[in-house]
N, C-alpha and C. Protein backbone atom coordinates (compact mmCIF):
# COMPACT_ATOMS: atom_id res chain seq x y z
N MET A 1 -15.37 10.64 8.09
CA MET A 1 -14.88 9.77 7.02
C MET A 1 -15.79 8.55 6.90
N ALA A 2 -16.08 8.15 5.66
CA ALA A 2 -16.91 6.98 5.41
C ALA A 2 -16.25 6.14 4.33
N GLU A 3 -16.73 4.88 4.21
CA GLU A 3 -16.14 3.96 3.24
C GLU A 3 -17.24 3.30 2.42
N ILE A 4 -17.05 3.28 1.08
CA ILE A 4 -17.97 2.58 0.19
C ILE A 4 -17.37 1.22 -0.14
N THR A 5 -18.08 0.16 0.17
CA THR A 5 -17.56 -1.18 -0.11
C THR A 5 -17.94 -1.66 -1.49
N LYS A 6 -19.10 -1.20 -2.03
CA LYS A 6 -19.53 -1.58 -3.37
C LYS A 6 -20.15 -0.37 -4.04
N SER A 7 -19.92 -0.25 -5.35
CA SER A 7 -20.50 0.88 -6.09
C SER A 7 -20.99 0.39 -7.44
N VAL A 8 -22.21 0.73 -7.78
CA VAL A 8 -22.78 0.28 -9.06
C VAL A 8 -22.17 1.05 -10.24
N ILE A 9 -21.47 2.14 -9.97
CA ILE A 9 -20.89 2.92 -11.07
C ILE A 9 -19.36 2.78 -11.12
N GLY A 10 -18.83 1.79 -10.43
CA GLY A 10 -17.39 1.56 -10.49
C GLY A 10 -16.63 2.43 -9.51
N ASN A 11 -15.34 2.57 -9.73
CA ASN A 11 -14.50 3.37 -8.84
C ASN A 11 -14.86 4.85 -8.95
N ILE A 12 -14.92 5.51 -7.81
CA ILE A 12 -15.26 6.92 -7.76
C ILE A 12 -14.06 7.69 -7.23
N SER A 13 -13.76 8.84 -7.83
CA SER A 13 -12.71 9.70 -7.32
C SER A 13 -13.05 11.14 -7.68
N GLY A 14 -12.53 12.06 -6.89
CA GLY A 14 -12.78 13.46 -7.16
C GLY A 14 -13.64 14.09 -6.08
N THR A 15 -14.28 15.20 -6.42
CA THR A 15 -15.09 15.94 -5.45
C THR A 15 -16.53 16.06 -5.93
N LEU A 16 -17.43 16.12 -4.98
CA LEU A 16 -18.85 16.34 -5.25
C LEU A 16 -19.39 17.17 -4.11
N GLY A 17 -19.66 18.43 -4.40
CA GLY A 17 -20.09 19.32 -3.33
C GLY A 17 -18.99 19.47 -2.30
N ASN A 18 -19.32 19.15 -1.04
CA ASN A 18 -18.31 19.23 0.02
C ASN A 18 -17.71 17.87 0.34
N MET A 19 -17.93 16.89 -0.56
CA MET A 19 -17.38 15.54 -0.34
C MET A 19 -16.22 15.27 -1.29
N VAL A 20 -15.21 14.57 -0.76
CA VAL A 20 -14.03 14.19 -1.54
C VAL A 20 -13.95 12.68 -1.57
N PHE A 21 -13.88 12.09 -2.78
CA PHE A 21 -13.80 10.64 -2.94
C PHE A 21 -12.38 10.26 -3.33
N ARG A 22 -11.79 9.30 -2.62
CA ARG A 22 -10.45 8.84 -2.93
C ARG A 22 -10.41 7.33 -2.98
N ASN A 23 -9.64 6.78 -3.95
CA ASN A 23 -9.44 5.34 -4.05
C ASN A 23 -8.18 4.97 -3.30
N ILE A 24 -8.30 4.23 -2.22
CA ILE A 24 -7.17 3.83 -1.39
C ILE A 24 -7.25 2.32 -1.17
N GLY A 25 -6.27 1.61 -1.68
CA GLY A 25 -6.24 0.17 -1.47
C GLY A 25 -7.44 -0.56 -2.01
N GLY A 26 -8.00 -0.06 -3.13
CA GLY A 26 -9.16 -0.71 -3.73
C GLY A 26 -10.48 -0.33 -3.10
N LYS A 27 -10.46 0.55 -2.09
CA LYS A 27 -11.69 0.99 -1.44
C LYS A 27 -11.91 2.47 -1.71
N VAL A 28 -13.15 2.88 -1.75
CA VAL A 28 -13.49 4.29 -1.95
C VAL A 28 -13.73 4.91 -0.58
N ILE A 29 -12.90 5.89 -0.21
CA ILE A 29 -13.02 6.58 1.07
C ILE A 29 -13.61 7.96 0.82
N ILE A 30 -14.59 8.33 1.65
CA ILE A 30 -15.26 9.62 1.51
C ILE A 30 -14.84 10.54 2.65
N TYR A 31 -14.36 11.72 2.30
CA TYR A 31 -14.03 12.75 3.28
C TYR A 31 -14.97 13.93 3.07
N THR A 32 -15.25 14.64 4.13
CA THR A 32 -16.04 15.87 4.05
C THR A 32 -15.12 17.06 4.17
N ARG A 33 -15.19 17.95 3.19
CA ARG A 33 -14.37 19.15 3.24
C ARG A 33 -15.00 20.16 4.19
N PRO A 34 -14.20 20.78 5.05
CA PRO A 34 -14.77 21.80 5.95
C PRO A 34 -15.28 23.00 5.16
N HIS A 35 -16.38 23.58 5.64
CA HIS A 35 -16.93 24.76 5.00
C HIS A 35 -16.02 25.96 5.21
N ASN A 36 -16.02 26.86 4.24
CA ASN A 36 -15.25 28.10 4.35
C ASN A 36 -13.77 27.83 4.61
N GLN A 37 -13.25 26.78 4.00
CA GLN A 37 -11.84 26.45 4.18
C GLN A 37 -10.98 27.54 3.54
N LYS A 38 -10.06 28.08 4.32
CA LYS A 38 -9.20 29.14 3.84
C LYS A 38 -7.87 28.57 3.36
N ILE A 39 -7.44 29.00 2.19
CA ILE A 39 -6.18 28.55 1.62
C ILE A 39 -5.12 29.59 1.91
N SER A 40 -4.04 29.15 2.53
CA SER A 40 -2.95 30.06 2.87
C SER A 40 -2.03 30.25 1.67
N TYR A 41 -1.63 31.49 1.45
CA TYR A 41 -0.72 31.79 0.36
C TYR A 41 0.62 32.32 0.88
N THR A 42 0.95 31.94 2.11
CA THR A 42 2.27 32.29 2.62
C THR A 42 3.33 31.52 1.83
N GLU A 43 4.54 32.03 1.84
CA GLU A 43 5.61 31.37 1.08
C GLU A 43 5.80 29.92 1.50
N LYS A 44 5.71 29.65 2.80
CA LYS A 44 5.88 28.29 3.31
C LYS A 44 4.74 27.39 2.84
N SER A 45 3.50 27.89 2.89
CA SER A 45 2.35 27.08 2.49
C SER A 45 2.39 26.74 1.00
N VAL A 46 2.72 27.74 0.18
CA VAL A 46 2.82 27.51 -1.27
C VAL A 46 3.91 26.49 -1.57
N LYS A 47 5.04 26.61 -0.86
CA LYS A 47 6.14 25.67 -1.07
C LYS A 47 5.74 24.25 -0.66
N ASN A 48 5.05 24.13 0.47
CA ASN A 48 4.64 22.80 0.94
C ASN A 48 3.65 22.15 -0.02
N ARG A 49 2.72 22.96 -0.57
CA ARG A 49 1.77 22.41 -1.55
C ARG A 49 2.51 21.96 -2.80
N GLY A 50 3.52 22.74 -3.21
CA GLY A 50 4.31 22.35 -4.37
C GLY A 50 5.07 21.06 -4.14
N LYS A 51 5.64 20.90 -2.95
CA LYS A 51 6.38 19.68 -2.63
C LYS A 51 5.46 18.47 -2.61
N PHE A 52 4.26 18.64 -2.03
CA PHE A 52 3.31 17.53 -2.00
C PHE A 52 2.89 17.16 -3.42
N GLY A 53 2.62 18.18 -4.24
CA GLY A 53 2.23 17.92 -5.62
C GLY A 53 3.31 17.19 -6.40
N MET A 54 4.58 17.56 -6.18
CA MET A 54 5.67 16.90 -6.88
C MET A 54 5.84 15.47 -6.39
N ALA A 55 5.70 15.25 -5.08
CA ALA A 55 5.79 13.89 -4.55
C ALA A 55 4.65 13.03 -5.08
N SER A 56 3.47 13.63 -5.24
CA SER A 56 2.33 12.90 -5.80
C SER A 56 2.58 12.53 -7.25
N LEU A 57 3.17 13.45 -8.04
CA LEU A 57 3.52 13.14 -9.42
C LEU A 57 4.53 12.01 -9.50
N LEU A 58 5.53 12.04 -8.61
CA LEU A 58 6.52 10.97 -8.58
C LEU A 58 5.85 9.64 -8.29
N SER A 59 4.94 9.62 -7.32
CA SER A 59 4.25 8.39 -6.96
C SER A 59 3.45 7.84 -8.12
N THR A 60 2.69 8.71 -8.78
CA THR A 60 1.86 8.28 -9.91
C THR A 60 2.70 7.68 -11.02
N ASN A 61 3.82 8.34 -11.34
CA ASN A 61 4.67 7.86 -12.42
C ASN A 61 5.44 6.60 -12.03
N ALA A 62 5.88 6.50 -10.79
CA ALA A 62 6.60 5.31 -10.34
C ALA A 62 5.72 4.07 -10.38
N LEU A 63 4.44 4.24 -10.05
CA LEU A 63 3.53 3.10 -10.01
C LEU A 63 3.15 2.60 -11.40
N TRP A 64 3.59 3.28 -12.43
CA TRP A 64 3.39 2.81 -13.81
C TRP A 64 4.21 1.56 -14.08
N PHE A 65 5.32 1.38 -13.36
CA PHE A 65 6.25 0.30 -13.65
C PHE A 65 5.80 -1.02 -13.03
N PRO A 66 6.05 -2.14 -13.73
CA PRO A 66 5.68 -3.45 -13.17
C PRO A 66 6.49 -3.76 -11.92
N GLY A 67 5.81 -4.20 -10.90
CA GLY A 67 6.47 -4.61 -9.66
C GLY A 67 6.61 -3.51 -8.63
N ILE A 68 6.52 -2.24 -9.02
CA ILE A 68 6.75 -1.16 -8.06
C ILE A 68 5.66 -1.13 -6.98
N LYS A 69 4.41 -1.34 -7.38
CA LYS A 69 3.34 -1.37 -6.40
C LYS A 69 3.56 -2.47 -5.38
N GLU A 70 3.93 -3.66 -5.87
CA GLU A 70 4.16 -4.79 -4.97
C GLU A 70 5.35 -4.53 -4.05
N VAL A 71 6.39 -3.86 -4.57
CA VAL A 71 7.58 -3.53 -3.77
C VAL A 71 7.19 -2.67 -2.57
N TRP A 72 6.46 -1.60 -2.84
CA TRP A 72 6.11 -0.69 -1.74
C TRP A 72 5.11 -1.33 -0.79
N ASN A 73 4.16 -2.09 -1.32
CA ASN A 73 3.19 -2.76 -0.45
C ASN A 73 3.85 -3.78 0.47
N SER A 74 4.94 -4.39 0.01
CA SER A 74 5.62 -5.39 0.83
C SER A 74 6.53 -4.77 1.88
N SER A 75 6.78 -3.46 1.77
CA SER A 75 7.63 -2.78 2.75
C SER A 75 6.81 -2.42 3.98
N ASN A 76 7.51 -2.18 5.10
CA ASN A 76 6.83 -1.79 6.33
C ASN A 76 6.88 -0.29 6.55
N LEU A 77 7.07 0.46 5.47
CA LEU A 77 7.13 1.90 5.57
C LEU A 77 5.75 2.50 5.82
N GLU A 78 5.72 3.74 6.30
CA GLU A 78 4.46 4.38 6.66
C GLU A 78 3.62 4.67 5.43
N GLY A 79 2.33 4.38 5.53
CA GLY A 79 1.41 4.65 4.44
C GLY A 79 0.36 3.57 4.31
N ARG A 80 -0.84 3.94 3.85
CA ARG A 80 -1.94 2.98 3.73
C ARG A 80 -1.92 2.23 2.41
N SER A 81 -1.18 2.73 1.44
CA SER A 81 -1.11 2.10 0.12
C SER A 81 0.26 2.41 -0.47
N ALA A 82 0.57 1.75 -1.59
CA ALA A 82 1.83 2.03 -2.26
C ALA A 82 1.92 3.50 -2.66
N TYR A 83 0.80 4.05 -3.11
CA TYR A 83 0.76 5.45 -3.53
C TYR A 83 1.13 6.39 -2.39
N THR A 84 0.52 6.19 -1.23
CA THR A 84 0.81 7.08 -0.10
C THR A 84 2.19 6.81 0.49
N LYS A 85 2.67 5.57 0.43
CA LYS A 85 4.01 5.27 0.93
C LYS A 85 5.07 6.01 0.13
N ILE A 86 4.93 6.03 -1.19
CA ILE A 86 5.90 6.74 -2.03
C ILE A 86 5.88 8.23 -1.72
N ILE A 87 4.69 8.79 -1.55
CA ILE A 87 4.57 10.21 -1.23
C ILE A 87 5.24 10.52 0.10
N LYS A 88 4.92 9.77 1.13
CA LYS A 88 5.49 10.03 2.45
C LYS A 88 7.00 9.84 2.45
N PHE A 89 7.48 8.86 1.72
CA PHE A 89 8.91 8.57 1.67
C PHE A 89 9.68 9.70 0.99
N ASN A 90 9.05 10.37 0.02
CA ASN A 90 9.74 11.37 -0.79
C ASN A 90 9.36 12.82 -0.49
N ALA A 91 8.34 13.03 0.34
CA ALA A 91 7.79 14.38 0.51
C ALA A 91 8.81 15.40 0.99
N LYS A 92 9.72 15.00 1.86
CA LYS A 92 10.69 15.95 2.41
C LYS A 92 11.88 16.18 1.49
N SER A 93 12.12 15.29 0.54
CA SER A 93 13.33 15.38 -0.28
C SER A 93 13.06 15.94 -1.67
N VAL A 94 11.79 16.09 -2.06
CA VAL A 94 11.50 16.73 -3.35
C VAL A 94 11.62 18.25 -3.19
N GLU A 95 11.83 18.92 -4.28
CA GLU A 95 11.71 20.37 -4.30
C GLU A 95 10.29 20.72 -4.75
N ALA A 96 9.89 21.96 -4.54
CA ALA A 96 8.53 22.35 -4.89
C ALA A 96 8.28 22.30 -6.39
N ASP A 97 9.35 22.36 -7.19
CA ASP A 97 9.18 22.41 -8.65
C ASP A 97 9.93 21.31 -9.40
N ARG A 98 10.59 20.40 -8.68
CA ARG A 98 11.34 19.36 -9.38
C ARG A 98 11.71 18.21 -8.44
N LEU A 99 12.11 17.08 -9.06
CA LEU A 99 12.66 15.96 -8.33
C LEU A 99 14.15 16.16 -8.14
N THR A 100 14.74 15.41 -7.22
CA THR A 100 16.18 15.49 -6.95
C THR A 100 16.75 14.08 -6.83
N ILE A 101 18.07 13.99 -6.74
CA ILE A 101 18.71 12.68 -6.56
C ILE A 101 18.54 12.15 -5.14
N LYS A 102 17.85 12.91 -4.29
CA LYS A 102 17.51 12.40 -2.96
C LYS A 102 16.22 11.59 -2.99
N ASN A 103 15.52 11.62 -4.11
CA ASN A 103 14.26 10.88 -4.23
C ASN A 103 14.51 9.43 -4.62
N ASP A 104 13.47 8.61 -4.46
CA ASP A 104 13.57 7.18 -4.77
C ASP A 104 12.26 6.68 -5.37
N ILE A 105 12.38 5.80 -6.36
CA ILE A 105 11.18 5.15 -6.89
C ILE A 105 10.93 3.80 -6.22
N VAL A 106 11.94 3.31 -5.47
CA VAL A 106 11.80 2.09 -4.67
C VAL A 106 12.50 2.32 -3.34
N PRO A 107 12.08 1.64 -2.27
CA PRO A 107 12.82 1.73 -1.01
C PRO A 107 14.15 0.98 -1.13
N ILE A 108 14.97 1.06 -0.09
CA ILE A 108 16.27 0.39 -0.11
C ILE A 108 16.10 -1.10 -0.34
N GLY A 109 16.85 -1.64 -1.31
CA GLY A 109 16.78 -3.07 -1.64
C GLY A 109 18.18 -3.64 -1.81
N LYS A 110 18.30 -4.66 -2.63
CA LYS A 110 19.59 -5.27 -2.89
C LYS A 110 20.49 -4.28 -3.63
N ARG A 111 21.77 -4.34 -3.32
CA ARG A 111 22.70 -3.35 -3.87
C ARG A 111 22.81 -3.48 -5.38
N LEU A 112 22.73 -2.34 -6.05
CA LEU A 112 22.87 -2.27 -7.50
C LEU A 112 24.11 -1.46 -7.82
N THR A 113 25.09 -2.08 -8.47
CA THR A 113 26.32 -1.40 -8.82
C THR A 113 26.29 -1.04 -10.30
N VAL A 114 26.27 0.25 -10.61
CA VAL A 114 26.26 0.72 -11.99
C VAL A 114 27.68 1.09 -12.39
N ASN A 115 28.16 0.49 -13.48
CA ASN A 115 29.51 0.75 -13.96
C ASN A 115 29.57 1.99 -14.84
N SER A 116 28.55 2.19 -15.67
CA SER A 116 28.52 3.34 -16.57
C SER A 116 27.10 3.54 -17.09
N PHE A 117 26.83 4.75 -17.56
CA PHE A 117 25.54 5.04 -18.19
C PHE A 117 25.73 6.21 -19.14
N SER A 118 24.80 6.35 -20.08
CA SER A 118 24.81 7.49 -20.99
C SER A 118 23.38 7.77 -21.43
N LEU A 119 23.07 9.06 -21.57
CA LEU A 119 21.74 9.48 -22.01
C LEU A 119 21.89 10.45 -23.17
N THR A 120 21.26 10.11 -24.28
CA THR A 120 21.17 11.01 -25.43
C THR A 120 19.70 11.12 -25.82
N SER A 121 19.40 11.92 -26.81
CA SER A 121 18.02 12.02 -27.27
C SER A 121 17.57 10.75 -27.98
N GLU A 122 18.52 9.89 -28.35
CA GLU A 122 18.17 8.65 -29.05
C GLU A 122 18.02 7.45 -28.12
N LYS A 123 18.80 7.40 -27.03
CA LYS A 123 18.75 6.21 -26.19
C LYS A 123 19.34 6.47 -24.81
N PHE A 124 19.00 5.57 -23.89
CA PHE A 124 19.66 5.51 -22.58
C PHE A 124 20.32 4.16 -22.48
N GLU A 125 21.60 4.15 -22.17
CA GLU A 125 22.36 2.90 -22.04
C GLU A 125 22.95 2.81 -20.65
N ILE A 126 22.86 1.64 -20.05
CA ILE A 126 23.38 1.46 -18.70
C ILE A 126 24.05 0.10 -18.59
N ASP A 127 25.21 0.08 -17.92
CA ASP A 127 25.95 -1.15 -17.67
C ASP A 127 26.03 -1.34 -16.16
N PHE A 128 25.59 -2.49 -15.67
CA PHE A 128 25.56 -2.71 -14.23
C PHE A 128 26.03 -4.12 -13.89
N ASN A 129 26.37 -4.31 -12.61
CA ASN A 129 26.89 -5.57 -12.11
C ASN A 129 25.76 -6.40 -11.52
N THR A 130 25.76 -7.69 -11.79
CA THR A 130 24.66 -8.56 -11.35
C THR A 130 25.06 -9.55 -10.25
N ASP A 131 26.28 -9.44 -9.71
CA ASP A 131 26.74 -10.47 -8.78
C ASP A 131 26.10 -10.39 -7.40
N ASN A 132 25.36 -9.33 -7.10
CA ASN A 132 24.73 -9.19 -5.78
C ASN A 132 23.23 -9.46 -5.81
N PHE A 133 22.71 -9.93 -6.94
CA PHE A 133 21.26 -10.00 -7.09
C PHE A 133 20.62 -11.16 -6.34
N GLN A 134 21.33 -12.27 -6.22
CA GLN A 134 20.80 -13.45 -5.54
C GLN A 134 19.46 -13.88 -6.14
N ASN A 135 18.36 -13.56 -5.50
CA ASN A 135 17.05 -14.04 -5.95
C ASN A 135 16.47 -13.26 -7.13
N ILE A 136 17.14 -12.20 -7.55
CA ILE A 136 16.64 -11.45 -8.70
C ILE A 136 17.16 -12.11 -9.98
N THR A 137 16.58 -13.25 -10.28
CA THR A 137 16.97 -14.01 -11.46
C THR A 137 16.04 -13.65 -12.62
N GLN A 138 16.47 -13.96 -13.81
CA GLN A 138 15.62 -13.70 -14.98
C GLN A 138 14.38 -14.60 -14.96
N PRO A 139 13.26 -14.09 -15.45
CA PRO A 139 13.05 -12.73 -15.98
C PRO A 139 12.84 -11.72 -14.88
N TYR A 140 13.36 -10.51 -15.07
CA TYR A 140 13.11 -9.41 -14.14
C TYR A 140 12.85 -8.14 -14.93
N ASN A 141 12.33 -7.14 -14.25
CA ASN A 141 11.96 -5.88 -14.89
C ASN A 141 13.04 -4.83 -14.67
N ALA A 142 13.45 -4.18 -15.72
CA ALA A 142 14.36 -3.04 -15.63
C ALA A 142 13.52 -1.78 -15.81
N CYS A 143 13.48 -0.93 -14.79
CA CYS A 143 12.59 0.23 -14.76
C CYS A 143 13.39 1.52 -14.88
N LEU A 144 13.08 2.32 -15.86
CA LEU A 144 13.77 3.58 -16.10
C LEU A 144 12.80 4.75 -16.04
N LEU A 145 13.05 5.68 -15.11
CA LEU A 145 12.25 6.90 -15.01
C LEU A 145 13.20 8.09 -15.15
N ILE A 146 12.91 8.97 -16.10
CA ILE A 146 13.73 10.16 -16.33
C ILE A 146 12.85 11.39 -16.14
N PHE A 147 13.31 12.30 -15.28
CA PHE A 147 12.60 13.55 -15.03
C PHE A 147 13.37 14.68 -15.70
N LEU A 148 12.76 15.28 -16.72
CA LEU A 148 13.39 16.38 -17.45
C LEU A 148 12.95 17.71 -16.86
N TYR A 149 13.90 18.63 -16.72
CA TYR A 149 13.54 19.97 -16.22
C TYR A 149 14.55 21.00 -16.72
N ASP A 150 14.30 22.25 -16.41
CA ASP A 150 15.12 23.38 -16.85
C ASP A 150 15.02 23.54 -18.37
N LEU A 151 13.90 24.10 -18.80
CA LEU A 151 13.65 24.30 -20.23
C LEU A 151 14.70 25.23 -20.85
N LYS A 152 15.15 24.88 -22.05
CA LYS A 152 16.07 25.75 -22.77
C LYS A 152 15.37 27.04 -23.17
N ASN A 153 14.10 26.92 -23.56
CA ASN A 153 13.29 28.09 -23.91
C ASN A 153 11.95 27.95 -23.18
N PRO A 154 11.67 28.77 -22.16
CA PRO A 154 10.45 28.61 -21.36
C PRO A 154 9.17 28.63 -22.18
N ALA A 155 9.22 29.12 -23.40
CA ALA A 155 8.00 29.20 -24.21
C ALA A 155 7.74 27.92 -25.01
N THR A 156 8.64 26.93 -24.90
CA THR A 156 8.53 25.75 -25.76
C THR A 156 7.79 24.57 -25.14
N GLY A 157 7.54 24.60 -23.82
CA GLY A 157 6.89 23.44 -23.24
C GLY A 157 6.63 23.59 -21.76
N SER A 158 6.35 22.47 -21.07
CA SER A 158 6.06 22.46 -19.64
C SER A 158 7.35 22.61 -18.85
N ASN A 159 7.21 22.93 -17.57
CA ASN A 159 8.38 23.10 -16.71
C ASN A 159 9.12 21.79 -16.48
N HIS A 160 8.41 20.67 -16.66
CA HIS A 160 9.06 19.37 -16.47
C HIS A 160 8.35 18.32 -17.34
N TYR A 161 9.00 17.18 -17.48
CA TYR A 161 8.43 16.11 -18.30
C TYR A 161 8.97 14.78 -17.80
N PHE A 162 8.09 13.75 -17.73
CA PHE A 162 8.49 12.43 -17.28
C PHE A 162 8.64 11.48 -18.48
N ILE A 163 9.76 10.76 -18.51
CA ILE A 163 9.97 9.68 -19.47
C ILE A 163 9.94 8.36 -18.70
N LYS A 164 9.12 7.42 -19.17
CA LYS A 164 9.01 6.12 -18.51
C LYS A 164 9.24 5.02 -19.54
N ASP A 165 10.07 4.05 -19.18
CA ASP A 165 10.27 2.90 -20.06
C ASP A 165 10.69 1.70 -19.21
N THR A 166 10.31 0.52 -19.65
CA THR A 166 10.67 -0.69 -18.93
C THR A 166 11.04 -1.79 -19.90
N LEU A 167 11.98 -2.62 -19.50
CA LEU A 167 12.39 -3.78 -20.28
C LEU A 167 12.24 -5.03 -19.43
N ILE A 168 11.78 -6.09 -20.03
CA ILE A 168 11.76 -7.39 -19.36
C ILE A 168 13.03 -8.12 -19.78
N VAL A 169 13.92 -8.34 -18.83
CA VAL A 169 15.21 -8.97 -19.12
C VAL A 169 15.05 -10.48 -18.98
N ASN A 170 15.17 -11.17 -20.10
CA ASN A 170 15.01 -12.63 -20.10
C ASN A 170 15.80 -13.21 -21.27
N ASP A 171 17.08 -12.82 -21.36
CA ASP A 171 17.91 -13.25 -22.49
C ASP A 171 18.74 -14.49 -22.19
N GLY A 172 18.67 -14.99 -20.96
CA GLY A 172 19.40 -16.20 -20.59
C GLY A 172 20.89 -16.00 -20.39
N ILE A 173 21.38 -14.79 -20.59
CA ILE A 173 22.82 -14.52 -20.41
C ILE A 173 23.07 -14.23 -18.94
N THR A 174 23.98 -14.97 -18.32
CA THR A 174 24.21 -14.87 -16.88
C THR A 174 25.59 -14.32 -16.55
N SER A 175 26.16 -13.52 -17.44
CA SER A 175 27.47 -12.93 -17.16
C SER A 175 27.38 -11.96 -16.00
N GLU A 176 28.52 -11.63 -15.40
CA GLU A 176 28.54 -10.77 -14.22
C GLU A 176 28.03 -9.36 -14.53
N ASN A 177 28.34 -8.86 -15.72
CA ASN A 177 27.90 -7.52 -16.11
C ASN A 177 26.78 -7.60 -17.14
N LYS A 178 25.87 -6.63 -17.05
CA LYS A 178 24.75 -6.57 -17.97
C LYS A 178 24.66 -5.16 -18.55
N THR A 179 24.48 -5.08 -19.87
CA THR A 179 24.29 -3.79 -20.53
C THR A 179 22.92 -3.76 -21.18
N LEU A 180 22.14 -2.71 -20.88
CA LEU A 180 20.80 -2.56 -21.44
C LEU A 180 20.71 -1.24 -22.19
N GLN A 181 19.91 -1.25 -23.26
CA GLN A 181 19.64 -0.04 -24.03
C GLN A 181 18.14 0.22 -24.07
N PHE A 182 17.76 1.43 -23.72
CA PHE A 182 16.38 1.88 -23.84
C PHE A 182 16.32 2.85 -25.01
N ILE A 183 15.67 2.46 -26.08
CA ILE A 183 15.58 3.30 -27.28
C ILE A 183 14.44 4.30 -27.11
N MET A 184 14.74 5.57 -27.33
CA MET A 184 13.73 6.62 -27.15
C MET A 184 12.78 6.68 -28.34
N SER A 185 11.52 6.88 -28.03
CA SER A 185 10.52 7.11 -29.09
C SER A 185 10.74 8.49 -29.68
N ASN A 186 10.10 8.77 -30.80
CA ASN A 186 10.21 10.09 -31.40
C ASN A 186 9.73 11.19 -30.45
N THR A 187 8.66 10.89 -29.70
CA THR A 187 8.13 11.88 -28.75
C THR A 187 9.14 12.16 -27.64
N TYR A 188 9.72 11.09 -27.08
CA TYR A 188 10.71 11.27 -26.01
C TYR A 188 11.95 12.00 -26.53
N SER A 189 12.40 11.67 -27.72
CA SER A 189 13.57 12.34 -28.30
C SER A 189 13.32 13.84 -28.44
N ALA A 190 12.13 14.19 -28.89
CA ALA A 190 11.79 15.59 -29.06
C ALA A 190 11.75 16.32 -27.71
N GLU A 191 11.21 15.66 -26.69
CA GLU A 191 11.14 16.29 -25.37
C GLU A 191 12.53 16.47 -24.77
N ILE A 192 13.40 15.49 -24.91
CA ILE A 192 14.75 15.59 -24.37
C ILE A 192 15.48 16.80 -24.95
N SER A 193 15.24 17.10 -26.21
CA SER A 193 15.91 18.21 -26.87
C SER A 193 15.48 19.57 -26.32
N LEU A 194 14.37 19.61 -25.57
CA LEU A 194 13.84 20.88 -25.06
C LEU A 194 14.43 21.28 -23.71
N TYR A 195 15.10 20.33 -23.03
CA TYR A 195 15.52 20.58 -21.65
C TYR A 195 17.04 20.55 -21.50
N ASN A 196 17.49 21.19 -20.41
CA ASN A 196 18.93 21.24 -20.11
C ASN A 196 19.37 20.14 -19.14
N LYS A 197 18.45 19.67 -18.28
CA LYS A 197 18.85 18.76 -17.21
C LYS A 197 17.88 17.60 -17.08
N ALA A 198 18.38 16.51 -16.49
CA ALA A 198 17.55 15.33 -16.26
C ALA A 198 17.97 14.68 -14.95
N VAL A 199 16.99 14.16 -14.21
CA VAL A 199 17.26 13.31 -13.06
C VAL A 199 16.83 11.91 -13.46
N ILE A 200 17.74 10.95 -13.32
CA ILE A 200 17.53 9.59 -13.81
C ILE A 200 17.37 8.63 -12.63
N PHE A 201 16.34 7.77 -12.71
CA PHE A 201 16.12 6.73 -11.71
C PHE A 201 16.07 5.38 -12.44
N PHE A 202 16.79 4.40 -11.90
CA PHE A 202 16.82 3.07 -12.53
C PHE A 202 16.83 2.02 -11.43
N ALA A 203 15.96 1.02 -11.57
CA ALA A 203 15.88 -0.06 -10.58
C ALA A 203 15.40 -1.33 -11.23
N LEU A 204 15.66 -2.45 -10.59
CA LEU A 204 15.20 -3.76 -11.05
C LEU A 204 14.17 -4.30 -10.07
N THR A 205 13.11 -4.90 -10.60
CA THR A 205 12.10 -5.54 -9.76
C THR A 205 11.80 -6.94 -10.29
N LYS A 206 11.39 -7.79 -9.38
CA LYS A 206 10.97 -9.15 -9.77
C LYS A 206 9.89 -9.58 -8.79
N THR A 207 8.77 -10.03 -9.33
CA THR A 207 7.68 -10.53 -8.49
C THR A 207 7.36 -11.96 -8.87
N THR A 208 7.11 -12.77 -7.87
CA THR A 208 6.63 -14.13 -8.08
C THR A 208 5.30 -14.27 -7.34
N SER A 209 4.74 -15.46 -7.35
CA SER A 209 3.46 -15.65 -6.67
C SER A 209 3.59 -15.52 -5.16
N LYS A 210 4.84 -15.64 -4.65
CA LYS A 210 5.03 -15.62 -3.20
C LYS A 210 5.98 -14.52 -2.72
N GLU A 211 6.88 -14.07 -3.57
CA GLU A 211 7.93 -13.15 -3.12
C GLU A 211 8.04 -11.93 -4.03
N VAL A 212 8.60 -10.87 -3.48
CA VAL A 212 8.89 -9.64 -4.22
C VAL A 212 10.35 -9.28 -3.98
N TYR A 213 11.09 -9.03 -5.06
CA TYR A 213 12.50 -8.67 -4.95
C TYR A 213 12.75 -7.37 -5.71
N TRP A 214 13.72 -6.61 -5.25
CA TRP A 214 14.07 -5.37 -5.94
C TRP A 214 15.46 -4.89 -5.54
N THR A 215 16.01 -4.03 -6.36
CA THR A 215 17.29 -3.41 -6.05
C THR A 215 17.04 -1.98 -5.56
N THR A 216 17.97 -1.48 -4.78
CA THR A 216 17.98 -0.05 -4.49
C THR A 216 18.13 0.69 -5.82
N ASN A 217 17.41 1.81 -5.99
CA ASN A 217 17.50 2.44 -7.30
C ASN A 217 18.78 3.26 -7.47
N PHE A 218 19.33 3.15 -8.67
CA PHE A 218 20.42 4.02 -9.09
C PHE A 218 19.81 5.35 -9.48
N LYS A 219 20.42 6.44 -9.03
CA LYS A 219 19.87 7.77 -9.35
C LYS A 219 21.03 8.73 -9.58
N THR A 220 20.84 9.58 -10.56
CA THR A 220 21.89 10.53 -10.90
C THR A 220 21.27 11.71 -11.63
N GLU A 221 22.00 12.82 -11.67
CA GLU A 221 21.57 13.98 -12.42
C GLU A 221 22.48 14.13 -13.64
N SER A 222 21.89 14.45 -14.76
CA SER A 222 22.65 14.51 -16.01
C SER A 222 22.36 15.81 -16.75
N LEU A 223 23.40 16.40 -17.31
CA LEU A 223 23.23 17.56 -18.18
C LEU A 223 22.95 17.07 -19.60
N LEU A 224 22.02 17.71 -20.27
CA LEU A 224 21.63 17.32 -21.61
C LEU A 224 22.30 18.26 -22.62
N THR A 225 22.75 17.69 -23.71
CA THR A 225 23.41 18.51 -24.73
C THR A 225 22.61 18.50 -26.02
C-alpha cells in the first residue's frame, strides 16, 4: 500500500493495471491487486458481495445529506472515514439486494419521536416531537432518504431506486411538535409509482464551527399504493 500526498491531475480513483486508487479522508491510497485473483461464485460469496455493494450504495447516498459526513466523522465507530464507517456499521444488517429497517443513515443520537408520517407519489409528510432536541436548535437539516424496491413490473425499471431530499428548518416556530412536507419532483413521483415498497429513513443534523448534533434516525417500511 502507498499514499499520494499531492497529484497534479487532482483526485484519482479507480484501477490502472494491477493498481487500485481510492480516495480516503482526502488522501489517495494505492493498493496492488494480486495477480491471478480468483473470484468465488459460491452462494455465500455472491451474497457477501451483494451485501457489501448495498452497504456501499447506502453510504454514498447518505453522505449526500448536509451534516452526515460530520456526524459519522465525530463518532468513535470503526472506520477510517465517514464512508467506511457507514459501510461497516450497516454491512451485516443490509440484504444482498435491498436495505432494511435495521439500517441507519446516522449512528445513535438524540431521541427523535415521530407522531405520524405519510408517503404518497406527491409528497412525504412527517410530524415529530422536538422537546428532546436540546442543542438541535434552528437552523437544522431535515434529511429524508427513501429506498424504493419490489418493482410492480420487472420490465419497467431498476430493482431499486433512491430518493433523497433535505430541508433547512429555520422558520422560528418553537412549538413542541413540528410538521414537515417534502414535495416530490416529477421524476420522484414517477419512480414511486413503479414500486410496491419503500424503506424510509429520516434524521435531523446540525453542525456548527465547534459541535455536531444529530438525532437517531426514524426508519420504517411502507407499502406503496
